[in-house]
C-alpha atoms as a PDB file:
ATOM      1  CA  UNK A   1      89.379  50.067 183.664  1.00  0.00           C
ATOM      2  CA  UNK A   2      91.718  51.671 185.430  1.00  0.00           C
ATOM      3  CA  UNK A   3      94.554  49.871 187.803  1.00  0.00           C
ATOM      4  CA  UNK A   4      95.795  51.150 191.399  1.00  0.00           C
ATOM      5  CA  UNK A   5      99.602  50.928 191.754  1.00  0.00           C
ATOM      6  CA  UNK A   6     102.045  52.596 193.922  1.00  0.00           C
ATOM      7  CA  UNK A   7     105.093  53.554 192.030  1.00  0.00           C
ATOM      8  CA  UNK A   8     106.806  56.865 191.669  1.00  0.00           C
ATOM      9  CA  UNK A   9     109.376  58.790 189.017  1.00  0.00           C
ATOM     10  CA  UNK A  10     111.967  60.822 190.363  1.00  0.00           C
ATOM     11  CA  UNK A  11     111.807  64.285 189.590  1.00  0.00           C
ATOM     12  CA  UNK A  12     114.037  64.180 186.497  1.00  0.00           C
ATOM     13  CA  UNK A  13     111.277  61.565 185.495  1.00  0.00           C
ATOM     14  CA  UNK A  14     113.828  58.173 185.858  1.00  0.00           C
ATOM     15  CA  UNK A  15     113.413  55.191 187.395  1.00  0.00           C
ATOM     16  CA  UNK A  16     114.869  54.762 190.981  1.00  0.00           C
ATOM     17  CA  UNK A  17     116.587  51.817 190.734  1.00  0.00           C
ATOM     18  CA  UNK A  18     119.021  51.234 193.442  1.00  0.00           C
ATOM     19  CA  UNK A  19     117.830  53.952 195.983  1.00  0.00           C
ATOM     20  CA  UNK A  20     116.762  52.973 199.336  1.00  0.00           C
ATOM     21  CA  UNK A  21     113.228  52.196 199.966  1.00  0.00           C
ATOM     22  CA  UNK A  22     113.610  52.852 203.908  1.00  0.00           C
ATOM     23  CA  UNK A  23     112.522  56.539 203.717  1.00  0.00           C
ATOM     24  CA  UNK A  24     110.670  56.392 199.938  1.00  0.00           C
ATOM     25  CA  UNK A  25     107.400  58.231 200.122  1.00  0.00           C
ATOM     26  CA  UNK A  26     106.229  58.458 196.285  1.00  0.00           C
ATOM     27  CA  UNK A  27     103.707  60.815 196.628  1.00  0.00           C
ATOM     28  CA  UNK A  28     105.897  63.391 198.284  1.00  0.00           C
ATOM     29  CA  UNK A  29     108.820  62.611 195.841  1.00  0.00           C
ATOM     30  CA  UNK A  30     106.393  63.223 193.225  1.00  0.00           C
ATOM     31  CA  UNK A  31     105.053  66.701 194.661  1.00  0.00           C
ATOM     32  CA  UNK A  32     108.607  68.108 194.789  1.00  0.00           C
ATOM     33  CA  UNK A  33     108.740  67.798 191.010  1.00  0.00           C
ATOM     34  CA  UNK A  34     109.547  71.038 189.439  1.00  0.00           C
ATOM     35  CA  UNK A  35     106.574  72.070 187.660  1.00  0.00           C
ATOM     36  CA  UNK A  36     104.086  74.851 187.927  1.00  0.00           C
ATOM     37  CA  UNK A  37     101.063  73.795 190.334  1.00  0.00           C
ATOM     38  CA  UNK A  38      97.767  72.810 189.110  1.00  0.00           C
ATOM     39  CA  UNK A  39      95.263  75.812 188.733  1.00  0.00           C
ATOM     40  CA  UNK A  40      91.985  74.227 188.154  1.00  0.00           C
ATOM     41  CA  UNK A  41      89.916  71.149 188.770  1.00  0.00           C
ATOM     42  CA  UNK A  42      90.356  68.427 186.242  1.00  0.00           C
ATOM     43  CA  UNK A  43      86.764  67.242 187.211  1.00  0.00           C
ATOM     44  CA  UNK A  44      84.810  70.629 187.219  1.00  0.00           C
ATOM     45  CA  UNK A  45      86.952  72.960 185.840  1.00  0.00           C
ATOM     46  CA  UNK A  46      86.765  75.356 188.806  1.00  0.00           C
ATOM     47  CA  UNK A  47      89.875  77.430 189.562  1.00  0.00           C
ATOM     48  CA  UNK A  48      91.556  76.850 192.880  1.00  0.00           C
ATOM     49  CA  UNK A  49      91.639  79.317 195.746  1.00  0.00           C
ATOM     50  CA  UNK A  50      92.099  79.604 198.950  1.00  0.00           C
ATOM     51  CA  UNK A  51      88.984  77.573 199.668  1.00  0.00           C
ATOM     52  CA  UNK A  52      90.294  74.388 198.233  1.00  0.00           C
ATOM     53  CA  UNK A  53      92.230  71.615 200.278  1.00  0.00           C
ATOM     54  CA  UNK A  54      95.861  71.524 199.277  1.00  0.00           C
ATOM     55  CA  UNK A  55      97.306  67.944 199.942  1.00  0.00           C
ATOM     56  CA  UNK A  56     100.672  66.594 199.196  1.00  0.00           C
ATOM     57  CA  UNK A  57     100.751  66.129 195.358  1.00  0.00           C
ATOM     58  CA  UNK A  58      97.098  67.094 194.713  1.00  0.00           C
ATOM     59  CA  UNK A  59      94.272  69.500 195.417  1.00  0.00           C
ATOM     60  CA  UNK A  60      90.906  68.753 196.274  1.00  0.00           C
ATOM     61  CA  UNK A  61      88.379  70.953 195.237  1.00  0.00           C
ATOM     62  CA  UNK A  62      86.029  72.832 197.205  1.00  0.00           C
ATOM     63  CA  UNK A  63      83.449  72.970 194.543  1.00  0.00           C
ATOM     64  CA  UNK A  64      82.833  69.262 193.608  1.00  0.00           C
ATOM     65  CA  UNK A  65      85.245  67.213 196.136  1.00  0.00           C
ATOM     66  CA  UNK A  66      87.609  65.698 193.782  1.00  0.00           C
ATOM     67  CA  UNK A  67      91.204  65.785 193.783  1.00  0.00           C
ATOM     68  CA  UNK A  68      93.338  66.706 191.052  1.00  0.00           C
ATOM     69  CA  UNK A  69      97.241  65.827 190.432  1.00  0.00           C
ATOM     70  CA  UNK A  70      99.505  68.630 191.568  1.00  0.00           C
ATOM     71  CA  UNK A  71     101.993  69.618 189.778  1.00  0.00           C
ATOM     72  CA  UNK A  72     100.109  68.058 186.462  1.00  0.00           C
ATOM     73  CA  UNK A  73     102.405  66.114 184.599  1.00  0.00           C
ATOM     74  CA  UNK A  74     104.293  66.893 181.378  1.00  0.00           C
ATOM     75  CA  UNK A  75     104.050  64.371 178.548  1.00  0.00           C
ATOM     76  CA  UNK A  76     107.446  63.414 179.280  1.00  0.00           C
ATOM     77  CA  UNK A  77     106.956  62.825 183.097  1.00  0.00           C
ATOM     78  CA  UNK A  78     104.090  60.398 181.961  1.00  0.00           C
ATOM     79  CA  UNK A  79     106.231  58.570 179.420  1.00  0.00           C
ATOM     80  CA  UNK A  80     108.813  57.922 182.103  1.00  0.00           C
ATOM     81  CA  UNK A  81     106.008  56.733 184.452  1.00  0.00           C
ATOM     82  CA  UNK A  82     104.936  54.398 181.779  1.00  0.00           C
ATOM     83  CA  UNK A  83     108.200  53.269 180.123  1.00  0.00           C
ATOM     84  CA  UNK A  84     109.138  49.825 179.099  1.00  0.00           C
ATOM     85  CA  UNK A  85     110.192  48.997 182.574  1.00  0.00           C
ATOM     86  CA  UNK A  86     106.526  49.270 184.027  1.00  0.00           C
ATOM     87  CA  UNK A  87     104.959  46.714 181.523  1.00  0.00           C
ATOM     88  CA  UNK A  88     107.620  44.383 180.207  1.00  0.00           C
ATOM     89  CA  UNK A  89     106.512  41.824 177.866  1.00  0.00           C
ATOM     90  CA  UNK A  90     107.724  39.151 180.267  1.00  0.00           C
ATOM     91  CA  UNK A  91     104.886  40.265 182.799  1.00  0.00           C
ATOM     92  CA  UNK A  92     104.828  42.744 185.683  1.00  0.00           C
ATOM     93  CA  UNK A  93     104.457  40.228 188.340  1.00  0.00           C
ATOM     94  CA  UNK A  94     106.234  37.568 190.102  1.00  0.00           C
ATOM     95  CA  UNK A  95     104.830  33.836 190.602  1.00  0.00           C
ATOM     96  CA  UNK A  96     101.348  33.915 190.111  1.00  0.00           C
ATOM     97  CA  UNK A  97     100.538  37.333 189.852  1.00  0.00           C
ATOM     98  CA  UNK A  98      99.886  37.722 186.378  1.00  0.00           C
ATOM     99  CA  UNK A  99      97.951  34.831 186.484  1.00  0.00           C
ATOM    100  CA  UNK A 100      95.649  35.561 189.204  1.00  0.00           C
ATOM    101  CA  UNK A 101      95.203  39.257 187.315  1.00  0.00           C
ATOM    102  CA  UNK A 102      94.056  37.552 183.991  1.00  0.00           C
ATOM    103  CA  UNK A 103      91.522  35.199 185.909  1.00  0.00           C
ATOM    104  CA  UNK A 104      89.985  38.187 187.663  1.00  0.00           C
ATOM    105  CA  UNK A 105      89.404  39.949 184.677  1.00  0.00           C
ATOM    106  CA  UNK A 106      88.141  36.962 182.554  1.00  0.00           C
ATOM    107  CA  UNK A 107      85.351  36.466 185.903  1.00  0.00           C
ATOM    108  CA  UNK A 108      84.521  40.228 185.255  1.00  0.00           C
ATOM    109  CA  UNK A 109      84.158  39.595 181.505  1.00  0.00           C
ATOM    110  CA  UNK A 110      82.038  36.608 181.917  1.00  0.00           C
ATOM    111  CA  UNK A 111      79.638  38.533 183.992  1.00  0.00           C
ATOM    112  CA  UNK A 112      79.244  41.314 181.887  1.00  0.00           C
ATOM    113  CA  UNK A 113      78.929  39.215 178.606  1.00  0.00           C
ATOM    114  CA  UNK A 114      75.922  37.820 180.030  1.00  0.00           C
ATOM    115  CA  UNK A 115      74.313  41.145 180.806  1.00  0.00           C
ATOM    116  CA  UNK A 116      75.449  43.494 177.855  1.00  0.00           C
ATOM    117  CA  UNK A 117      73.524  43.877 174.927  1.00  0.00           C
ATOM    118  CA  UNK A 118      75.088  42.184 171.651  1.00  0.00           C
ATOM    119  CA  UNK A 119      77.548  44.778 170.262  1.00  0.00           C
ATOM    120  CA  UNK A 120      81.191  45.744 170.509  1.00  0.00           C
ATOM    121  CA  UNK A 121      83.032  46.677 174.064  1.00  0.00           C
ATOM    122  CA  UNK A 122      85.289  49.787 174.531  1.00  0.00           C
ATOM    123  CA  UNK A 123      87.587  49.517 177.598  1.00  0.00           C
ATOM    124  CA  UNK A 124      88.999  52.961 178.305  1.00  0.00           C
ATOM    125  CA  UNK A 125      92.363  52.636 180.576  1.00  0.00           C
ATOM    126  CA  UNK A 126      92.691  49.099 179.313  1.00  0.00           C
ATOM    127  CA  UNK A 127      96.233  48.549 180.504  1.00  0.00           C
ATOM    128  CA  UNK A 128      97.884  45.486 179.585  1.00  0.00           C
ATOM    129  CA  UNK A 129      94.552  44.259 177.912  1.00  0.00           C
ATOM    130  CA  UNK A 130      93.381  41.337 180.126  1.00  0.00           C
ATOM    131  CA  UNK A 131      89.811  42.391 180.144  1.00  0.00           C
ATOM    132  CA  UNK A 132      89.712  43.132 176.282  1.00  0.00           C
ATOM    133  CA  UNK A 133      91.024  39.660 175.784  1.00  0.00           C
ATOM    134  CA  UNK A 134      88.376  38.054 177.544  1.00  0.00           C
ATOM    135  CA  UNK A 135      85.826  39.675 175.830  1.00  0.00           C
ATOM    136  CA  UNK A 136      87.409  38.671 172.500  1.00  0.00           C
ATOM    137  CA  UNK A 137      87.744  34.932 173.772  1.00  0.00           C
ATOM    138  CA  UNK A 138      83.647  35.343 174.287  1.00  0.00           C
ATOM    139  CA  UNK A 139      83.506  36.477 170.202  1.00  0.00           C
ATOM    140  CA  UNK A 140      82.828  39.859 171.033  1.00  0.00           C
ATOM    141  CA  UNK A 141      84.579  42.947 169.004  1.00  0.00           C
ATOM    142  CA  UNK A 142      86.618  44.718 171.741  1.00  0.00           C
ATOM    143  CA  UNK A 143      88.903  47.556 171.613  1.00  0.00           C
ATOM    144  CA  UNK A 144      91.001  49.070 174.615  1.00  0.00           C
ATOM    145  CA  UNK A 145      92.442  52.675 174.807  1.00  0.00           C
ATOM    146  CA  UNK A 146      95.656  52.850 176.366  1.00  0.00           C
ATOM    147  CA  UNK A 147      98.229  55.708 175.603  1.00  0.00           C
ATOM    148  CA  UNK A 148     101.241  54.035 177.056  1.00  0.00           C
ATOM    149  CA  UNK A 149     100.661  50.023 175.802  1.00  0.00           C
ATOM    150  CA  UNK A 150     100.275  48.117 173.088  1.00  0.00           C
ATOM    151  CA  UNK A 151      98.866  44.918 171.695  1.00  0.00           C
ATOM    152  CA  UNK A 152      96.704  43.149 169.093  1.00  0.00           C
ATOM    153  CA  UNK A 153      93.472  45.107 170.564  1.00  0.00           C
ATOM    154  CA  UNK A 154      94.911  48.018 172.143  1.00  0.00           C
ATOM    155  CA  UNK A 155      94.811  51.494 170.544  1.00  0.00           C
ATOM    156  CA  UNK A 156      97.129  54.167 171.617  1.00  0.00           C
ATOM    157  CA  UNK A 157      94.477  56.794 171.190  1.00  0.00           C
ATOM    158  CA  UNK A 158      92.234  59.240 173.287  1.00  0.00           C
ATOM    159  CA  UNK A 159      88.401  58.947 174.151  1.00  0.00           C
ATOM    160  CA  UNK A 160      88.134  61.998 171.834  1.00  0.00           C
ATOM    161  CA  UNK A 161      89.785  59.791 168.850  1.00  0.00           C
ATOM    162  CA  UNK A 162      86.858  57.170 169.044  1.00  0.00           C
ATOM    163  CA  UNK A 163      83.808  57.207 167.128  1.00  0.00           C
ATOM    164  CA  UNK A 164      80.784  54.838 166.430  1.00  0.00           C
ATOM    165  CA  UNK A 165      78.426  52.871 168.769  1.00  0.00           C
ATOM    166  CA  UNK A 166      79.415  50.639 171.608  1.00  0.00           C
ATOM    167  CA  UNK A 167      77.204  48.158 173.699  1.00  0.00           C
ATOM    168  CA  UNK A 168      79.611  49.422 176.637  1.00  0.00           C
ATOM    169  CA  UNK A 169      81.484  51.367 177.983  1.00  0.00           C
ATOM    170  CA  UNK A 170      81.743  54.831 177.106  1.00  0.00           C
ATOM    171  CA  UNK A 171      78.855  57.177 177.961  1.00  0.00           C
ATOM    172  CA  UNK A 172      78.995  59.520 175.124  1.00  0.00           C
ATOM    173  CA  UNK A 173      79.440  56.673 172.521  1.00  0.00           C
ATOM    174  CA  UNK A 174      76.860  54.198 174.042  1.00  0.00           C
ATOM    175  CA  UNK A 175      74.374  52.884 171.690  1.00  0.00           C
ATOM    176  CA  UNK A 176      70.562  52.839 173.071  1.00  0.00           C
ATOM    177  CA  UNK A 177      70.366  50.069 175.860  1.00  0.00           C
ATOM    178  CA  UNK A 178      74.172  49.938 176.423  1.00  0.00           C
ATOM    179  CA  UNK A 179      76.025  49.995 179.388  1.00  0.00           C
ATOM    180  CA  UNK A 180      78.471  52.159 181.001  1.00  0.00           C
ATOM    181  CA  UNK A 181      81.184  50.175 183.397  1.00  0.00           C
ATOM    182  CA  UNK A 182      83.372  51.997 185.712  1.00  0.00           C
ATOM    183  CA  UNK A 183      85.553  50.741 188.295  1.00  0.00           C
ATOM    184  CA  UNK A 184      88.024  53.368 190.024  1.00  0.00           C
ATOM    185  CA  UNK A 185      89.788  53.969 193.229  1.00  0.00           C
ATOM    186  CA  UNK A 186      87.550  55.721 195.985  1.00  0.00           C
ATOM    187  CA  UNK A 187      89.612  58.547 196.980  1.00  0.00           C
ATOM    188  CA  UNK A 188      87.280  59.289 200.015  1.00  0.00           C
ATOM    189  CA  UNK A 189      87.597  55.476 201.269  1.00  0.00           C
ATOM    190  CA  UNK A 190      88.157  54.333 204.895  1.00  0.00           C
ATOM    191  CA  UNK A 191      91.535  52.847 203.690  1.00  0.00           C
ATOM    192  CA  UNK A 192      92.485  56.406 201.650  1.00  0.00           C
ATOM    193  CA  UNK A 193      92.031  58.314 204.838  1.00  0.00           C
ATOM    194  CA  UNK A 194      93.739  55.742 206.947  1.00  0.00           C
ATOM    195  CA  UNK A 195      96.824  55.618 204.645  1.00  0.00           C
ATOM    196  CA  UNK A 196      97.126  59.288 203.560  1.00  0.00           C
ATOM    197  CA  UNK A 197     100.277  59.774 201.041  1.00  0.00           C
ATOM    198  CA  UNK A 198     101.110  56.405 201.409  1.00  0.00           C
ATOM    199  CA  UNK A 199      97.595  54.870 199.989  1.00  0.00           C
ATOM    200  CA  UNK A 200      98.186  52.474 197.248  1.00  0.00           C
ATOM    201  CA  UNK A 201      95.795  53.901 194.848  1.00  0.00           C
ATOM    202  CA  UNK A 202      97.336  57.627 194.741  1.00  0.00           C
ATOM    203  CA  UNK A 203      99.996  56.320 191.991  1.00  0.00           C
ATOM    204  CA  UNK A 204     101.330  59.537 191.163  1.00  0.00           C
ATOM    205  CA  UNK A 205     101.637  60.743 188.332  1.00  0.00           C
ATOM    206  CA  UNK A 206      99.532  58.156 186.691  1.00  0.00           C
ATOM    207  CA  UNK A 207      96.372  58.793 188.314  1.00  0.00           C
ATOM    208  CA  UNK A 208      95.458  62.106 187.338  1.00  0.00           C
ATOM    209  CA  UNK A 209      91.860  62.755 188.983  1.00  0.00           C
ATOM    210  CA  UNK A 210      91.164  61.265 192.438  1.00  0.00           C
ATOM    211  CA  UNK A 211      87.217  60.768 192.651  1.00  0.00           C
ATOM    212  CA  UNK A 212      84.715  60.496 195.392  1.00  0.00           C
ATOM    213  CA  UNK A 213      81.625  58.257 194.746  1.00  0.00           C
ATOM    214  CA  UNK A 214      79.028  61.268 194.977  1.00  0.00           C
ATOM    215  CA  UNK A 215      81.240  63.220 192.238  1.00  0.00           C
ATOM    216  CA  UNK A 216      80.957  60.103 190.109  1.00  0.00           C
ATOM    217  CA  UNK A 217      77.496  59.153 190.313  1.00  0.00           C
ATOM    218  CA  UNK A 218      76.554  62.534 189.878  1.00  0.00           C
ATOM    219  CA  UNK A 219      78.357  62.931 186.470  1.00  0.00           C
ATOM    220  CA  UNK A 220      76.868  59.432 185.283  1.00  0.00           C
ATOM    221  CA  UNK A 221      73.359  60.528 186.108  1.00  0.00           C
ATOM    222  CA  UNK A 222      74.200  63.856 184.292  1.00  0.00           C
ATOM    223  CA  UNK A 223      74.919  62.039 181.340  1.00  0.00           C
ATOM    224  CA  UNK A 224      71.432  60.771 181.145  1.00  0.00           C
ATOM    225  CA  UNK A 225      72.318  57.277 182.325  1.00  0.00           C
ATOM    226  CA  UNK A 226      70.302  55.093 184.826  1.00  0.00           C
ATOM    227  CA  UNK A 227      72.556  53.675 187.582  1.00  0.00           C
ATOM    228  CA  UNK A 228      71.852  49.950 187.999  1.00  0.00           C
ATOM    229  CA  UNK A 229      74.630  48.523 190.388  1.00  0.00           C
ATOM    230  CA  UNK A 230      76.901  49.938 192.843  1.00  0.00           C
ATOM    231  CA  UNK A 231      79.614  47.964 194.487  1.00  0.00           C
ATOM    232  CA  UNK A 232      82.476  48.947 196.835  1.00  0.00           C
ATOM    233  CA  UNK A 233      84.413  45.443 196.665  1.00  0.00           C
ATOM    234  CA  UNK A 234      83.951  44.602 192.676  1.00  0.00           C
ATOM    235  CA  UNK A 235      86.265  46.980 191.567  1.00  0.00           C
ATOM    236  CA  UNK A 236      89.283  44.910 192.724  1.00  0.00           C
ATOM    237  CA  UNK A 237      92.441  45.197 194.989  1.00  0.00           C
ATOM    238  CA  UNK A 238      90.419  46.350 197.901  1.00  0.00           C
ATOM    239  CA  UNK A 239      91.779  43.804 200.332  1.00  0.00           C
ATOM    240  CA  UNK A 240      95.268  44.235 198.837  1.00  0.00           C
ATOM    241  CA  UNK A 241      95.205  47.890 199.404  1.00  0.00           C
ATOM    242  CA  UNK A 242      94.826  47.213 202.982  1.00  0.00           C
ATOM    243  CA  UNK A 243      97.264  44.487 203.189  1.00  0.00           C
ATOM    244  CA  UNK A 244      99.898  47.026 201.026  1.00  0.00           C
ATOM    245  CA  UNK A 245      99.059  50.028 203.608  1.00  0.00           C
ATOM    246  CA  UNK A 246      99.630  47.663 206.559  1.00  0.00           C
ATOM    247  CA  UNK A 247     102.976  46.601 205.338  1.00  0.00           C
ATOM    248  CA  UNK A 248     104.040  50.154 204.485  1.00  0.00           C
ATOM    249  CA  UNK A 249     103.765  51.212 207.902  1.00  0.00           C
ATOM    250  CA  UNK A 250     106.267  49.089 209.203  1.00  0.00           C
ATOM    251  CA  UNK A 251     109.991  50.204 209.914  1.00  0.00           C
ATOM    252  CA  UNK A 252     111.585  50.661 206.352  1.00  0.00           C
ATOM    253  CA  UNK A 253     108.382  51.522 205.137  1.00  0.00           C
ATOM    254  CA  UNK A 254     108.343  48.425 202.570  1.00  0.00           C
ATOM    255  CA  UNK A 255     106.696  48.890 199.149  1.00  0.00           C
ATOM    256  CA  UNK A 256     104.481  45.583 198.687  1.00  0.00           C
ATOM    257  CA  UNK A 257     103.159  46.303 195.500  1.00  0.00           C
ATOM    258  CA  UNK A 258     107.089  46.955 194.366  1.00  0.00           C
ATOM    259  CA  UNK A 259     108.039  43.802 195.952  1.00  0.00           C
ATOM    260  CA  UNK A 260     105.689  41.354 194.209  1.00  0.00           C
ATOM    261  CA  UNK A 261     106.640  42.607 190.584  1.00  0.00           C
ATOM    262  CA  UNK A 262     109.372  40.752 188.567  1.00  0.00           C
ATOM    263  CA  UNK A 263     112.617  42.176 189.156  1.00  0.00           C
ATOM    264  CA  UNK A 264     112.635  43.917 185.701  1.00  0.00           C
ATOM    265  CA  UNK A 265     109.517  45.521 186.589  1.00  0.00           C
ATOM    266  CA  UNK A 266     110.442  47.099 189.694  1.00  0.00           C
ATOM    267  CA  UNK A 267     110.834  50.624 190.546  1.00  0.00           C
ATOM    268  CA  UNK A 268     113.687  49.826 193.122  1.00  0.00           C
ATOM    269  CA  UNK A 269     116.414  47.314 193.382  1.00  0.00           C
ATOM    270  CA  UNK A 270     115.334  44.734 196.428  1.00  0.00           C
ATOM    271  CA  UNK A 271     117.727  42.637 198.422  1.00  0.00           C
ATOM    272  CA  UNK A 272     116.383  38.985 199.079  1.00  0.00           C
ATOM    273  CA  UNK A 273     116.177  39.895 202.551  1.00  0.00           C
ATOM    274  CA  UNK A 274     114.045  43.127 202.298  1.00  0.00           C
ATOM    275  CA  UNK A 275     111.719  41.696 199.989  1.00  0.00           C
ATOM    276  CA  UNK A 276     111.151  38.294 201.963  1.00  0.00           C
ATOM    277  CA  UNK A 277     110.654  41.128 204.956  1.00  0.00           C
ATOM    278  CA  UNK A 278     107.767  42.913 202.839  1.00  0.00           C
ATOM    279  CA  UNK A 279     106.097  39.391 202.075  1.00  0.00           C
ATOM    280  CA  UNK A 280     106.262  37.670 205.405  1.00  0.00           C
ATOM    281  CA  UNK A 281     104.768  41.174 206.955  1.00  0.00           C
ATOM    282  CA  UNK A 282     101.925  40.775 204.208  1.00  0.00           C
ATOM    283  CA  UNK A 283     100.884  37.213 204.941  1.00  0.00           C
ATOM    284  CA  UNK A 284     100.936  38.426 208.779  1.00  0.00           C
ATOM    285  CA  UNK A 285      98.665  41.485 207.917  1.00  0.00           C
ATOM    286  CA  UNK A 286      96.226  39.509 205.785  1.00  0.00           C
ATOM    287  CA  UNK A 287      93.818  38.687 208.464  1.00  0.00           C
ATOM    288  CA  UNK A 288      93.989  42.494 209.403  1.00  0.00           C
ATOM    289  CA  UNK A 289      93.306  43.405 206.030  1.00  0.00           C
ATOM    290  CA  UNK A 290      90.093  40.746 205.705  1.00  0.00           C
ATOM    291  CA  UNK A 291      88.324  42.456 208.817  1.00  0.00           C
ATOM    292  CA  UNK A 292      89.250  46.086 207.452  1.00  0.00           C
ATOM    293  CA  UNK A 293      87.726  45.588 204.012  1.00  0.00           C
ATOM    294  CA  UNK A 294      84.579  43.864 205.882  1.00  0.00           C
ATOM    295  CA  UNK A 295      84.364  47.106 207.688  1.00  0.00           C
ATOM    296  CA  UNK A 296      84.860  49.445 204.863  1.00  0.00           C
ATOM    297  CA  UNK A 297      82.447  47.579 202.251  1.00  0.00           C
ATOM    298  CA  UNK A 298      79.669  47.346 205.116  1.00  0.00           C
ATOM    299  CA  UNK A 299      79.944  51.243 205.541  1.00  0.00           C
ATOM    300  CA  UNK A 300      80.107  51.704 201.739  1.00  0.00           C
ATOM    301  CA  UNK A 301      83.481  53.270 201.862  1.00  0.00           C
ATOM    302  CA  UNK A 302      85.402  50.657 200.226  1.00  0.00           C
ATOM    303  CA  UNK A 303      88.774  51.506 198.237  1.00  0.00           C
ATOM    304  CA  UNK A 304      87.126  51.019 194.763  1.00  0.00           C
ATOM    305  CA  UNK A 305      83.803  52.199 193.633  1.00  0.00           C
ATOM    306  CA  UNK A 306      82.297  49.950 190.777  1.00  0.00           C
ATOM    307  CA  UNK A 307      79.242  51.243 188.790  1.00  0.00           C
ATOM    308  CA  UNK A 308      77.245  49.839 186.167  1.00  0.00           C
ATOM    309  CA  UNK A 309      74.662  52.192 184.340  1.00  0.00           C
ATOM    310  CA  UNK A 310      72.512  52.113 181.222  1.00  0.00           C
ATOM    311  CA  UNK A 311      71.693  54.293 178.555  1.00  0.00           C
ATOM    312  CA  UNK A 312      67.826  54.075 178.173  1.00  0.00           C
ATOM    313  CA  UNK A 313      66.533  52.927 174.752  1.00  0.00           C
ATOM    314  CA  UNK A 314      64.631  55.180 172.426  1.00  0.00           C
ATOM    315  CA  UNK A 315      61.036  55.403 173.210  1.00  0.00           C
ATOM    316  CA  UNK A 316      59.329  53.157 170.605  1.00  0.00           C
ATOM    317  CA  UNK A 317      57.822  55.386 168.065  1.00  0.00           C
ATOM    318  CA  UNK A 318      54.033  54.644 167.305  1.00  0.00           C
ATOM    319  CA  UNK A 319      53.073  54.914 163.832  1.00  0.00           C
ATOM    320  CA  UNK A 320      50.727  57.469 162.714  1.00  0.00           C
ATOM    321  CA  UNK A 321      47.520  55.978 160.704  1.00  0.00           C
END
């Protein structure tokens, strides 16, 4: 399940240690990389033309409404974006951050374990693997796919390289009765519109396809799956998206996501004063973030969209006597 972050790489693909955060705009910085513009939609395959919406670092398709990162990153750029500094062995977050992440993934695994049919689970975009680890603790066989991570239950592989039948997650590999569970940033959410190029979940170039709920739901149904649950809150990081955005609008545009990471996992060097500024601002912004979250969830325009869908069991064959 994909995770929303707000980091960038410089055009030469190197970590921006020591540069000022006061004029940073990660989306704008990536859009200036020296590479060819993306020419077709990664979601529906339509070639872009003058009817599409050309945004900073991405193009929104006039056909399906999904945005594609542009320019499309090279393998070298993606490797730099997911280098060792991004997921250090010591953990990504300061204080209780890593524990909170594991706790939330464990809570999700607890619920899914109760509703999923028996069988192995495949987590595509597993990150560090906290959700996979939680399933393993329940006694399930679980595998995570993450090309730029490693771990005992993580494979450096693409979906196309996987076979077998799974009780969850991938649609084309689902066994009858299996469930597809998706949690992704909602690129048409209220917070995405409010914060624009500084929205937490853009995360160029790690996020390549920027989805809208209608496009995602249509694709799931086209695969022959029955959608059973849709949530604009359960996907996680909805409140943090607002807090991050409010803090980023302050003078100096502090990057809260970078500030809460461990020093070895930060994109830029933070002075104690600047880090304290970002953290204090986050506390002050929390009540406003909670109110904004309530509004966007009620409007079904939350910062993430979470979907559970099921592949219908094959009809039972009636024996011919």
